[in-house]
Amino acid sequence: MNRNKLLIIIFATIFIAGMIALAPNAIKNDDPLTISHTSVVTKTHPSDLLFELASASPMTGSTEVTVYNQDLALVKEKRDITLKNGYNHVQYSDVASRIDPTSVILESPDEPGIFVVEQNYEYDLVSSSKLLDKYIDREITVTDPEGNEYQGTLLSHGDGMILRTRDGVVTLSEVAKVEYPDIAGLLTKPTLVWQVYSPVSGNRDIWTSYLTGGMSWKANYIIKNNPDDSMVDIDGWVTIDNKAGTSFNDASLKLIAGDINRASNDRTVFSGFYYDMAATDGPAEQFEEESFFEYHMYTLDRHTNLNDNEIKQISLLSANNVPVTKEYLYDGVQEDKVRVTLAMNNSEATGLGIPLPKGVVRVYKADSQNQLQFLGEDSIDHTPADEKMSVSVGYAFDIIGERKRSEYKKISDRMYRVTNNIELRNHKSDAATITVVEHLSGDWEMISNSHHYTKIDSNTIEFELTVPADSSATITYTEEYSY
């Protein structure tokens, strides 16, 4: 913060304190009724970090929405408001109903002396029950089902209605219509109510930023295998779910991929997607990806509408003829079947090479009649560029793994000898290369082994074995271990 801006804030603060002391009614609520709200009193921005994020780059439109993976969005808006010199009562409506009011930032780039003295978040929205609550001990007009009209003071409501009229107290068990002089200060939508100090008069562009819950996004990927499972076509989509309580029209959209840290669950909050081509939005490759802090950010190259209570899909990427390897994995300790995975390199050479956000991958393949059939699905984590991506599709029908222990012998007080046999039976018409994973325990030593193995970590080894078509093979090894 430069010296001039600091002096402005100091003098403005002293001036406001003096005005409040001399004229306590200078700042007041025009509504004489109490409305449910939360209050935040601040002389500066409530969050320096969010201020830096909100003002890090100029917005190209009037609304920008940055959506995170974790039920969170940052909303930035520009609106034109008219201010007078001094204190102003400003209602800022059409905010998300799940806004975190403690995160609100207000900026006026052309007039840094403008700032919020007090903020109320009013969310007591109009309804029949709340209107009746507001009009207890006030006068209303009631019509019963027969058309008789009663005017009087509302004493109670619930199971019927009790009015005090000129002719006495009237109890109505059924009511056809209720007429009110006004809506008693109730709002039709959640609203931020500000007391804003301005050193100047006139129209000003106000930039507002806030965090809201109720918005999230995830990635979805469609993989289509070629006939021999050597290459695939990949289409990536982002799915944005808006349950924030308001719509954002003609908005700039940014998506943050990564797991951000949040302080705690002590925040003020008010308040299996089916893939369908008809629900998607636009062609592929519309997002510009960039590294952002320790995350990755994807910026849509156009504006879009994010309607409340809507799930929207937008194309993220498209790559054809990506080389893949079909891998078979048998872990007889963890599973009794042979798992099938598709492995590929997320590199530019394969047609990919961009950081892939975590999401669900669905795999399809055309049958003999050229009709796509679903093969399976898996979830992948955030995958950086130039890293391997493995998608677990299902289990092999024609490859059987069987693990047996043929020897278990205690050879000393704390020493044991174990012999394991892993039989692999391949009933396919082609040879199959299978990776066998074995988990060893304690302080172990390999005594003998029928096939070469690779030590993955201190307690895991892997054998790789090619089994000919319609044939079988057996791995045998003996280990000694102690505790």
Protein backbone atom coordinates (compact mmCIF):
# COMPACT_ATOMS: atom_id res chain seq x y z
CA MET A 1 0.00 0.00 0.00
CA ASN A 2 1.55 3.37 -1.02
CA ARG A 3 1.91 6.33 1.35
CA ASN A 4 -0.86 8.44 -0.23
CA LYS A 5 -3.43 5.65 0.01
CA LEU A 6 -2.45 5.00 3.63
CA LEU A 7 -2.93 8.70 4.49
CA ILE A 8 -6.35 8.71 2.81
CA ILE A 9 -7.49 5.74 4.87
CA ILE A 10 -6.14 7.25 8.14
CA PHE A 11 -7.83 10.64 7.58
CA ALA A 12 -11.06 8.99 6.42
CA THR A 13 -11.10 6.81 9.53
CA ILE A 14 -10.58 9.80 11.85
CA PHE A 15 -13.28 11.75 9.99
CA ILE A 16 -15.80 8.89 10.25
CA ALA A 17 -15.11 8.40 13.95
CA GLY A 18 -15.77 12.09 14.56
CA MET A 19 -18.94 12.11 12.50
CA ILE A 20 -20.31 9.07 14.37
CA ALA A 21 -19.54 10.69 17.73
CA LEU A 22 -21.17 14.03 16.81
CA ALA A 23 -24.09 12.68 14.84
CA PRO A 24 -25.03 9.15 15.95
CA ASN A 25 -27.99 9.09 13.58
CA ALA A 26 -25.86 9.85 10.53
CA ILE A 27 -25.57 6.14 9.77
CA LYS A 28 -28.91 4.44 10.12
CA ASN A 29 -31.04 1.72 8.66
CA ASP A 30 -33.93 3.14 6.66
CA ASP A 31 -36.03 0.07 7.52
CA PRO A 32 -37.58 0.43 11.00
CA LEU A 33 -38.08 -3.34 11.28
CA THR A 34 -35.39 -5.81 12.32
CA ILE A 35 -34.30 -8.16 9.54
CA SER A 36 -32.29 -11.34 10.04
CA HIS A 37 -28.76 -10.57 8.92
CA THR A 38 -25.08 -10.93 9.64
CA SER A 39 -22.98 -7.80 10.19
CA VAL A 40 -19.37 -7.11 9.31
CA VAL A 41 -17.75 -3.83 10.33
CA THR A 42 -14.48 -3.07 8.56
CA LYS A 43 -12.33 -0.09 7.67
CA THR A 44 -10.13 -1.94 5.19
CA HIS A 45 -10.34 -5.02 3.05
CA PRO A 46 -11.16 -8.17 5.08
CA SER A 47 -8.61 -10.38 3.34
CA ASP A 48 -5.30 -9.23 1.86
CA LEU A 49 -4.75 -12.57 0.15
CA LEU A 50 -8.14 -12.58 -1.53
CA PHE A 51 -7.60 -8.93 -2.51
CA GLU A 52 -4.44 -9.93 -4.34
CA LEU A 53 -6.22 -12.84 -6.04
CA ALA A 54 -9.24 -10.74 -7.01
CA SER A 55 -7.14 -7.95 -8.50
CA ALA A 56 -4.34 -10.08 -9.94
CA SER A 57 -5.51 -9.52 -13.52
CA PRO A 58 -7.98 -7.10 -15.12
CA MET A 59 -11.38 -8.52 -15.99
CA THR A 60 -12.50 -8.37 -19.60
CA GLY A 61 -16.23 -8.38 -18.72
CA SER A 62 -18.49 -7.33 -15.87
CA THR A 63 -18.61 -10.79 -14.21
CA GLU A 64 -15.92 -13.39 -13.66
CA VAL A 65 -16.42 -16.71 -11.88
CA THR A 66 -13.50 -18.88 -10.76
CA VAL A 67 -14.68 -22.35 -9.73
CA TYR A 68 -12.70 -24.76 -7.56
CA ASN A 69 -13.00 -28.55 -7.14
CA GLN A 70 -14.06 -28.18 -3.50
CA ASP A 71 -17.59 -26.70 -3.46
CA LEU A 72 -16.20 -23.18 -3.75
CA ALA A 73 -16.19 -20.30 -6.23
CA LEU A 74 -14.76 -16.80 -6.33
CA VAL A 75 -17.17 -14.31 -7.90
CA LYS A 76 -15.93 -10.94 -9.21
CA GLU A 77 -18.39 -8.35 -10.53
CA LYS A 78 -18.30 -4.78 -11.82
CA ARG A 79 -21.37 -2.61 -11.27
CA ASP A 80 -22.09 1.07 -11.73
CA ILE A 81 -23.59 2.77 -8.64
CA THR A 82 -24.47 6.37 -7.82
CA LEU A 83 -22.92 7.78 -4.65
CA LYS A 84 -23.18 11.09 -2.87
CA ASN A 85 -20.47 12.79 -0.86
CA GLY A 86 -20.54 11.27 2.62
CA TYR A 87 -22.41 8.20 3.77
CA ASN A 88 -24.49 6.10 1.40
CA HIS A 89 -26.99 3.30 2.01
CA VAL A 90 -26.34 0.77 -0.81
CA GLN A 91 -28.26 -2.46 -1.48
CA TYR A 92 -26.22 -4.93 -3.51
CA SER A 93 -28.61 -7.68 -4.64
CA ASP A 94 -28.37 -10.75 -6.89
CA VAL A 95 -25.55 -12.24 -4.84
CA ALA A 96 -25.23 -15.99 -4.30
CA SER A 97 -27.40 -17.21 -1.44
CA ARG A 98 -24.45 -19.29 -0.19
CA ILE A 99 -22.08 -16.33 -0.08
CA ASP A 100 -19.50 -16.12 2.69
CA PRO A 101 -20.13 -12.51 3.77
CA THR A 102 -16.80 -12.30 5.61
CA SER A 103 -14.98 -12.68 2.28
CA VAL A 104 -16.50 -9.64 0.53
CA ILE A 105 -14.08 -7.14 -1.03
CA LEU A 106 -15.22 -3.81 -2.48
CA GLU A 107 -12.93 -1.73 -4.69
CA SER A 108 -13.27 1.51 -6.60
CA PRO A 109 -10.17 1.78 -8.83
CA ASP A 110 -10.94 5.36 -9.89
CA GLU A 111 -11.60 6.61 -6.36
CA PRO A 112 -9.60 4.77 -3.66
CA GLY A 113 -11.22 6.86 -0.92
CA ILE A 114 -14.49 4.92 -1.29
CA PHE A 115 -14.81 2.09 1.23
CA VAL A 116 -17.38 0.12 3.21
CA VAL A 117 -17.92 1.25 6.81
CA GLU A 118 -20.49 -1.43 7.67
CA GLN A 119 -21.94 -4.40 5.86
CA ASN A 120 -25.09 -6.42 6.53
CA TYR A 121 -25.98 -9.62 4.74
CA GLU A 122 -29.78 -9.76 4.71
CA TYR A 123 -31.30 -13.07 3.78
CA ASP A 124 -34.74 -12.96 5.46
CA LEU A 125 -36.56 -13.44 2.17
CA VAL A 126 -40.22 -12.77 1.68
CA SER A 127 -42.70 -15.61 2.36
CA SER A 128 -46.28 -15.85 3.67
CA SER A 129 -45.17 -17.05 7.09
CA LYS A 130 -42.49 -14.40 7.49
CA LEU A 131 -44.84 -11.64 6.37
CA LEU A 132 -47.35 -12.72 9.01
CA ASP A 133 -44.55 -12.79 11.60
CA LYS A 134 -43.62 -9.22 10.67
CA TYR A 135 -47.23 -8.05 10.96
CA ILE A 136 -47.88 -9.26 14.50
CA ASP A 137 -49.44 -6.22 16.29
CA ARG A 138 -49.85 -4.44 12.97
CA GLU A 139 -52.92 -3.85 10.84
CA ILE A 140 -53.82 -6.11 7.89
CA THR A 141 -56.91 -6.94 5.82
CA VAL A 142 -58.14 -10.55 5.67
CA THR A 143 -60.81 -12.16 3.47
CA ASP A 144 -62.37 -15.49 4.43
CA PRO A 145 -63.53 -18.18 1.92
CA GLU A 146 -67.11 -16.72 1.92
CA GLY A 147 -65.83 -13.31 0.83
CA ASN A 148 -66.22 -11.56 4.17
CA GLU A 149 -63.52 -8.94 4.76
CA TYR A 150 -61.95 -8.16 8.13
CA GLN A 151 -59.59 -5.31 8.92
CA GLY A 152 -57.72 -5.29 12.19
CA THR A 153 -54.56 -5.89 14.16
CA LEU A 154 -52.97 -9.33 13.76
CA LEU A 155 -52.63 -10.98 17.18
CA SER A 156 -51.44 -14.45 16.13
CA HIS A 157 -51.35 -16.92 13.25
CA GLY A 158 -50.66 -20.61 12.80
CA ASP A 159 -53.71 -22.82 13.25
CA GLY A 160 -55.99 -20.10 11.99
CA MET A 161 -55.66 -16.36 12.48
CA ILE A 162 -56.74 -14.03 15.31
CA LEU A 163 -57.51 -10.35 14.61
CA ARG A 164 -58.53 -7.51 16.89
CA THR A 165 -61.09 -5.44 14.95
CA ARG A 166 -63.33 -2.50 15.88
CA ASP A 167 -66.08 -4.99 16.65
CA GLY A 168 -63.88 -7.18 18.88
CA VAL A 169 -61.56 -10.14 18.52
CA VAL A 170 -62.18 -12.37 15.48
CA THR A 171 -60.84 -15.92 15.01
CA LEU A 172 -60.58 -17.18 11.42
CA SER A 173 -59.96 -20.90 10.87
CA GLU A 174 -59.57 -20.48 7.07
CA VAL A 175 -58.28 -17.52 5.10
CA ALA A 176 -58.68 -16.90 1.38
CA LYS A 177 -56.65 -13.71 1.04
CA VAL A 178 -54.41 -11.48 3.16
CA GLU A 179 -53.60 -7.87 2.18
CA TYR A 180 -50.54 -6.04 3.57
CA PRO A 181 -49.67 -2.34 3.30
CA ASP A 182 -46.09 -3.31 2.26
CA ILE A 183 -43.66 -6.24 2.56
CA ALA A 184 -42.34 -5.07 5.94
CA GLY A 185 -38.73 -4.76 4.84
CA LEU A 186 -38.46 -8.33 3.62
CA LEU A 187 -36.34 -8.96 0.54
CA THR A 188 -37.12 -10.98 -2.56
CA LYS A 189 -33.50 -12.12 -2.91
CA PRO A 190 -30.35 -12.26 -0.72
CA THR A 191 -28.80 -8.79 -0.52
CA LEU A 192 -25.65 -7.16 0.79
CA VAL A 193 -26.57 -3.87 2.48
CA TRP A 194 -23.63 -1.49 2.79
CA GLN A 195 -22.97 1.79 4.51
CA VAL A 196 -20.43 3.24 2.07
CA TYR A 197 -18.37 6.35 2.63
CA SER A 198 -17.50 8.31 -0.50
CA PRO A 199 -15.42 11.53 -0.64
CA VAL A 200 -17.01 12.41 -4.00
CA SER A 201 -20.44 12.39 -5.67
CA GLY A 202 -21.43 10.78 -8.95
CA ASN A 203 -21.50 7.44 -10.75
CA ARG A 204 -18.65 5.08 -9.96
CA ASP A 205 -17.59 1.62 -11.14
CA ILE A 206 -17.54 -0.66 -8.11
CA TRP A 207 -15.70 -3.99 -8.21
CA THR A 208 -16.95 -6.60 -5.76
CA SER A 209 -15.40 -9.99 -5.01
CA TYR A 210 -16.69 -12.72 -2.71
CA LEU A 211 -16.44 -16.44 -2.04
CA THR A 212 -19.48 -18.67 -2.24
CA GLY A 213 -20.25 -22.31 -1.66
CA GLY A 214 -22.57 -24.33 -3.86
CA MET A 215 -20.38 -24.36 -6.98
CA SER A 216 -17.98 -27.07 -8.06
CA TRP A 217 -16.54 -28.63 -11.17
CA LYS A 218 -15.04 -31.91 -12.21
CA ALA A 219 -13.53 -33.41 -15.33
CA ASN A 220 -15.03 -36.27 -17.34
CA TYR A 221 -13.16 -38.18 -20.02
CA ILE A 222 -14.43 -40.41 -22.84
CA ILE A 223 -11.96 -42.95 -24.25
CA LYS A 224 -12.72 -44.91 -27.43
CA ASN A 225 -10.51 -47.92 -28.18
CA ASN A 226 -9.49 -48.90 -31.70
CA PRO A 227 -10.06 -52.53 -32.83
CA ASP A 228 -6.73 -53.93 -31.54
CA ASP A 229 -6.61 -51.74 -28.39
CA SER A 230 -3.36 -50.10 -29.47
CA MET A 231 -4.69 -46.55 -29.81
CA VAL A 232 -7.55 -44.51 -28.37
CA ASP A 233 -9.40 -41.28 -29.03
CA ILE A 234 -9.85 -39.11 -25.92
CA ASP A 235 -12.44 -36.40 -25.37
CA GLY A 236 -12.32 -34.41 -22.14
CA TRP A 237 -15.18 -32.40 -20.66
CA VAL A 238 -15.59 -30.18 -17.64
CA THR A 239 -18.85 -30.47 -15.72
CA ILE A 240 -19.84 -27.38 -13.71
CA ASP A 241 -22.58 -27.64 -11.09
CA ASN A 242 -24.12 -24.35 -9.95
CA LYS A 243 -26.12 -24.56 -6.72
CA ALA A 244 -24.88 -21.21 -5.39
CA GLY A 245 -28.36 -19.67 -5.38
CA THR A 246 -28.02 -17.27 -8.31
CA SER A 247 -27.23 -17.23 -12.02
CA PHE A 248 -24.16 -15.66 -13.63
CA ASN A 249 -24.91 -14.50 -17.14
CA ASP A 250 -22.33 -13.67 -19.81
CA ALA A 251 -19.56 -14.50 -17.35
CA SER A 252 -15.86 -15.10 -17.82
CA LEU A 253 -15.12 -18.60 -16.52
CA LYS A 254 -11.96 -19.92 -14.90
CA LEU A 255 -11.44 -23.35 -13.35
CA ILE A 256 -8.79 -24.12 -10.73
CA ALA A 257 -7.54 -27.72 -10.63
CA GLY A 258 -5.84 -28.64 -7.36
CA ASP A 259 -6.55 -29.24 -3.70
CA ILE A 260 -6.54 -25.90 -1.91
CA ASN A 261 -6.31 -25.66 1.86
CA ARG A 262 -9.22 -24.16 3.78
CA ALA A 263 -9.00 -22.98 7.37
CA SER A 264 -11.84 -25.07 8.84
CA ASN A 265 -15.51 -25.90 8.52
CA ASP A 266 -16.35 -22.97 10.79
CA ARG A 267 -17.49 -20.79 7.91
CA THR A 268 -20.80 -19.03 7.53
CA VAL A 269 -22.84 -20.75 4.85
CA PHE A 270 -26.48 -19.92 4.25
CA SER A 271 -28.37 -21.96 2.88
CA GLY A 272 -23.74 -39.79 -10.95
CA PHE A 273 -24.01 -37.30 -13.77
CA TYR A 274 -25.16 -39.09 -16.98
CA TYR A 275 -23.08 -38.21 -20.03
CA ASP A 276 -25.30 -36.82 -22.76
CA MET A 277 -23.98 -35.23 -25.92
CA ALA A 278 -27.07 -32.99 -26.09
CA ALA A 279 -26.11 -31.40 -22.77
CA THR A 280 -22.63 -30.36 -23.89
CA ASP A 281 -21.54 -26.88 -24.84
CA GLY A 282 -19.32 -26.00 -27.75
CA PRO A 283 -16.36 -27.56 -29.60
CA ALA A 284 -13.20 -28.97 -28.09
CA GLU A 285 -10.04 -27.10 -27.10
CA GLN A 286 -11.73 -23.98 -25.75
CA PHE A 287 -9.67 -23.68 -22.56
CA GLU A 288 -6.29 -22.05 -22.15
CA GLU A 289 -4.27 -23.83 -19.48
CA GLU A 290 -1.64 -22.16 -17.31
CA SER A 291 0.29 -22.91 -14.13
CA PHE A 292 -1.09 -20.91 -11.20
CA PHE A 293 0.76 -21.06 -7.86
CA GLU A 294 0.86 -24.82 -7.09
CA TYR A 295 -2.32 -25.45 -9.11
CA HIS A 296 -3.41 -25.29 -12.72
CA MET A 297 -5.96 -22.87 -14.11
CA TYR A 298 -8.14 -23.37 -17.19
CA THR A 299 -9.64 -20.22 -18.73
CA LEU A 300 -12.54 -20.45 -21.16
CA ASP A 301 -11.84 -18.37 -24.27
CA ARG A 302 -15.37 -16.95 -24.38
CA HIS A 303 -18.16 -15.89 -22.03
CA THR A 304 -20.86 -18.33 -20.93
CA ASN A 305 -24.02 -18.47 -18.80
CA LEU A 306 -23.97 -20.36 -15.50
CA ASN A 307 -27.61 -20.70 -14.52
CA ASP A 308 -28.68 -21.52 -10.99
CA ASN A 309 -29.49 -25.21 -10.40
CA GLU A 310 -27.88 -26.18 -13.72
CA ILE A 311 -25.21 -28.70 -14.68
CA LYS A 312 -23.23 -27.51 -17.70
CA GLN A 313 -20.65 -29.42 -19.74
CA ILE A 314 -17.98 -27.70 -21.81
CA SER A 315 -15.33 -29.34 -23.99
CA LEU A 316 -11.86 -29.38 -22.44
CA LEU A 317 -9.70 -31.35 -24.88
CA SER A 318 -9.76 -33.75 -27.81
CA ALA A 319 -6.95 -36.05 -28.93
CA ASN A 320 -7.03 -38.82 -31.54
CA ASN A 321 -4.82 -41.87 -32.03
CA VAL A 322 -3.17 -41.73 -28.63
CA PRO A 323 -0.94 -44.81 -28.17
CA VAL A 324 -1.97 -47.06 -25.28
CA THR A 325 -0.78 -50.30 -23.76
CA LYS A 326 -3.19 -52.87 -22.42
CA GLU A 327 -1.75 -54.22 -19.20
CA TYR A 328 -2.73 -57.22 -17.09
CA LEU A 329 -2.11 -57.12 -13.34
CA TYR A 330 -2.52 -59.95 -10.86
CA ASP A 331 -2.25 -59.25 -7.13
CA GLY A 332 -3.27 -62.51 -5.53
CA VAL A 333 -3.15 -61.10 -2.02
CA GLN A 334 -5.48 -58.19 -2.79
CA GLU A 335 -7.71 -59.68 -5.52
CA ASP A 336 -8.55 -63.09 -6.96
CA LYS A 337 -8.89 -61.85 -10.56
CA VAL A 338 -6.58 -60.40 -13.21
CA ARG A 339 -7.14 -56.67 -13.59
CA VAL A 340 -7.03 -54.99 -17.03
CA THR A 341 -5.73 -51.42 -17.37
CA LEU A 342 -5.03 -49.04 -20.23
CA ALA A 343 -1.77 -47.14 -19.81
CA MET A 344 -0.72 -44.06 -21.76
CA ASN A 345 1.77 -41.22 -21.49
CA ASN A 346 0.36 -37.75 -20.97
CA SER A 347 2.91 -36.21 -23.30
CA GLU A 348 2.87 -33.87 -26.25
CA ALA A 349 4.27 -36.65 -28.43
CA THR A 350 1.13 -38.74 -27.84
CA GLY A 351 -1.20 -35.82 -28.63
CA LEU A 352 -1.87 -34.88 -25.00
CA GLY A 353 0.75 -33.11 -22.90
CA ILE A 354 -1.44 -30.84 -20.77
CA PRO A 355 -2.11 -31.21 -17.04
CA LEU A 356 -5.24 -33.37 -16.77
CA PRO A 357 -7.64 -32.50 -13.91
CA LYS A 358 -8.87 -35.37 -11.78
CA GLY A 359 -12.12 -36.94 -12.88
CA VAL A 360 -13.94 -40.01 -14.13
CA VAL A 361 -12.73 -41.81 -17.26
CA ARG A 362 -15.24 -43.93 -19.19
CA VAL A 363 -13.98 -46.40 -21.79
CA TYR A 364 -15.90 -47.51 -24.91
CA LYS A 365 -15.17 -49.71 -27.92
CA ALA A 366 -17.04 -50.41 -31.15
CA ASP A 367 -18.38 -53.95 -31.61
CA SER A 368 -18.53 -55.98 -34.87
CA GLN A 369 -21.53 -53.89 -35.97
CA ASN A 370 -19.62 -50.64 -35.28
CA GLN A 371 -21.79 -49.82 -32.27
CA LEU A 372 -20.06 -48.37 -29.21
CA GLN A 373 -20.19 -50.56 -26.10
CA PHE A 374 -19.25 -49.51 -22.58
CA LEU A 375 -16.15 -51.33 -21.21
CA GLY A 376 -15.71 -49.78 -17.78
CA GLU A 377 -14.74 -46.64 -15.89
CA ASP A 378 -12.16 -45.41 -13.41
CA SER A 379 -11.24 -42.25 -11.49
CA ILE A 380 -7.90 -40.58 -12.13
CA ASP A 381 -6.14 -38.06 -9.91
CA HIS A 382 -4.63 -34.79 -11.16
CA THR A 383 -2.07 -35.92 -13.73
CA PRO A 384 0.77 -33.55 -14.68
CA ALA A 385 2.17 -33.42 -18.18
CA ASP A 386 4.71 -36.13 -19.07
CA GLU A 387 3.39 -38.54 -16.43
CA LYS A 388 1.87 -41.96 -16.98
CA MET A 389 -1.90 -42.30 -16.75
CA SER A 390 -3.42 -45.70 -15.99
CA VAL A 391 -7.12 -46.42 -16.32
CA SER A 392 -8.49 -49.56 -14.69
CA VAL A 393 -11.15 -50.91 -17.05
CA GLY A 394 -12.22 -54.21 -15.47
CA TYR A 395 -11.12 -57.84 -15.08
CA ALA A 396 -9.97 -60.30 -17.74
CA PHE A 397 -12.49 -63.03 -18.50
CA ASP A 398 -10.05 -65.45 -20.17
CA ILE A 399 -7.03 -65.08 -17.88
CA ILE A 400 -7.08 -66.82 -14.51
CA GLY A 401 -4.69 -66.31 -11.63
CA GLU A 402 -4.41 -68.71 -8.71
CA ARG A 403 -2.12 -68.25 -5.72
CA LYS A 404 -1.22 -71.08 -3.34
CA ARG A 405 1.18 -71.46 -0.43
CA SER A 406 2.94 -74.81 -0.63
CA GLU A 407 5.27 -74.40 2.37
CA TYR A 408 5.08 -72.53 5.65
CA LYS A 409 7.76 -73.55 8.14
CA LYS A 410 9.07 -72.07 11.36
CA ILE A 411 12.83 -72.59 11.22
CA SER A 412 13.82 -70.73 14.43
CA ASP A 413 12.29 -68.69 17.22
CA ARG A 414 11.54 -65.68 14.96
CA MET A 415 12.41 -67.01 11.50
CA TYR A 416 9.97 -68.48 8.97
CA ARG A 417 10.31 -70.04 5.51
CA VAL A 418 7.48 -69.69 2.97
CA THR A 419 7.06 -71.01 -0.58
CA ASN A 420 4.38 -69.47 -2.82
CA ASN A 421 3.13 -70.69 -6.21
CA ILE A 422 1.26 -68.38 -8.62
CA GLU A 423 -0.32 -70.15 -11.59
CA LEU A 424 -1.47 -68.08 -14.57
CA ARG A 425 -3.79 -69.68 -17.15
CA ASN A 426 -4.29 -67.87 -20.44
CA HIS A 427 -7.34 -69.03 -22.43
CA LYS A 428 -7.05 -66.23 -24.99
CA SER A 429 -6.04 -66.79 -28.62
CA ASP A 430 -3.11 -64.39 -28.14
CA ALA A 431 -0.19 -64.38 -25.74
CA ALA A 432 -0.63 -62.17 -22.68
CA THR A 433 2.06 -60.41 -20.64
CA ILE A 434 0.99 -60.32 -16.99
CA THR A 435 2.50 -58.40 -14.08
CA VAL A 436 2.31 -60.32 -10.80
CA VAL A 437 2.54 -58.31 -7.57
CA GLU A 438 3.68 -59.97 -4.35
CA HIS A 439 3.71 -58.40 -0.87
CA LEU A 440 6.44 -59.58 1.48
CA SER A 441 6.62 -58.89 5.20
CA GLY A 442 9.17 -58.40 7.91
CA ASP A 443 12.91 -58.63 7.29
CA TRP A 444 12.86 -60.93 4.27
CA GLU A 445 15.41 -62.68 2.05
CA MET A 446 14.72 -64.42 -1.25
CA ILE A 447 16.02 -68.02 -1.12
CA SER A 448 14.98 -69.18 -4.59
CA ASN A 449 12.79 -67.96 -7.45
CA SER A 450 11.73 -69.44 -10.78
CA HIS A 451 11.49 -66.09 -12.57
CA HIS A 452 13.23 -62.76 -12.37
CA TYR A 453 11.56 -60.14 -10.16
CA THR A 454 11.85 -56.39 -9.61
CA LYS A 455 11.91 -54.90 -6.13
CA ILE A 456 9.40 -52.02 -6.06
CA ASP A 457 9.84 -51.05 -2.40
CA SER A 458 10.96 -52.69 0.84
CA ASN A 459 7.95 -55.03 0.94
CA THR A 460 6.78 -55.30 -2.67
CA ILE A 461 8.16 -57.22 -5.64
CA GLU A 462 6.85 -57.70 -9.17
CA PHE A 463 7.23 -60.54 -11.66
CA GLU A 464 6.50 -59.98 -15.36
CA LEU A 465 5.57 -63.11 -17.25
CA THR A 466 4.39 -63.68 -20.83
CA VAL A 467 1.98 -66.62 -21.04
CA PRO A 468 1.48 -68.11 -24.54
CA ALA A 469 -2.00 -68.41 -26.05
CA ASP A 470 -4.15 -71.17 -24.57
CA SER A 471 -1.41 -72.10 -22.16
CA SER A 472 -0.34 -71.70 -18.53
CA ALA A 473 2.75 -70.84 -16.50
CA THR A 474 3.66 -70.96 -12.82
CA ILE A 475 5.85 -68.67 -10.73
CA THR A 476 7.45 -70.27 -7.67
CA TYR A 477 9.56 -68.55 -5.06
CA THR A 478 10.78 -69.25 -1.54
CA GLU A 479 11.53 -66.55 1.02
CA GLU A 480 12.69 -66.45 4.60
CA TYR A 481 11.61 -63.66 6.87
CA SER A 482 11.84 -62.64 10.51
CA TYR A 483 10.09 -60.18 12.78
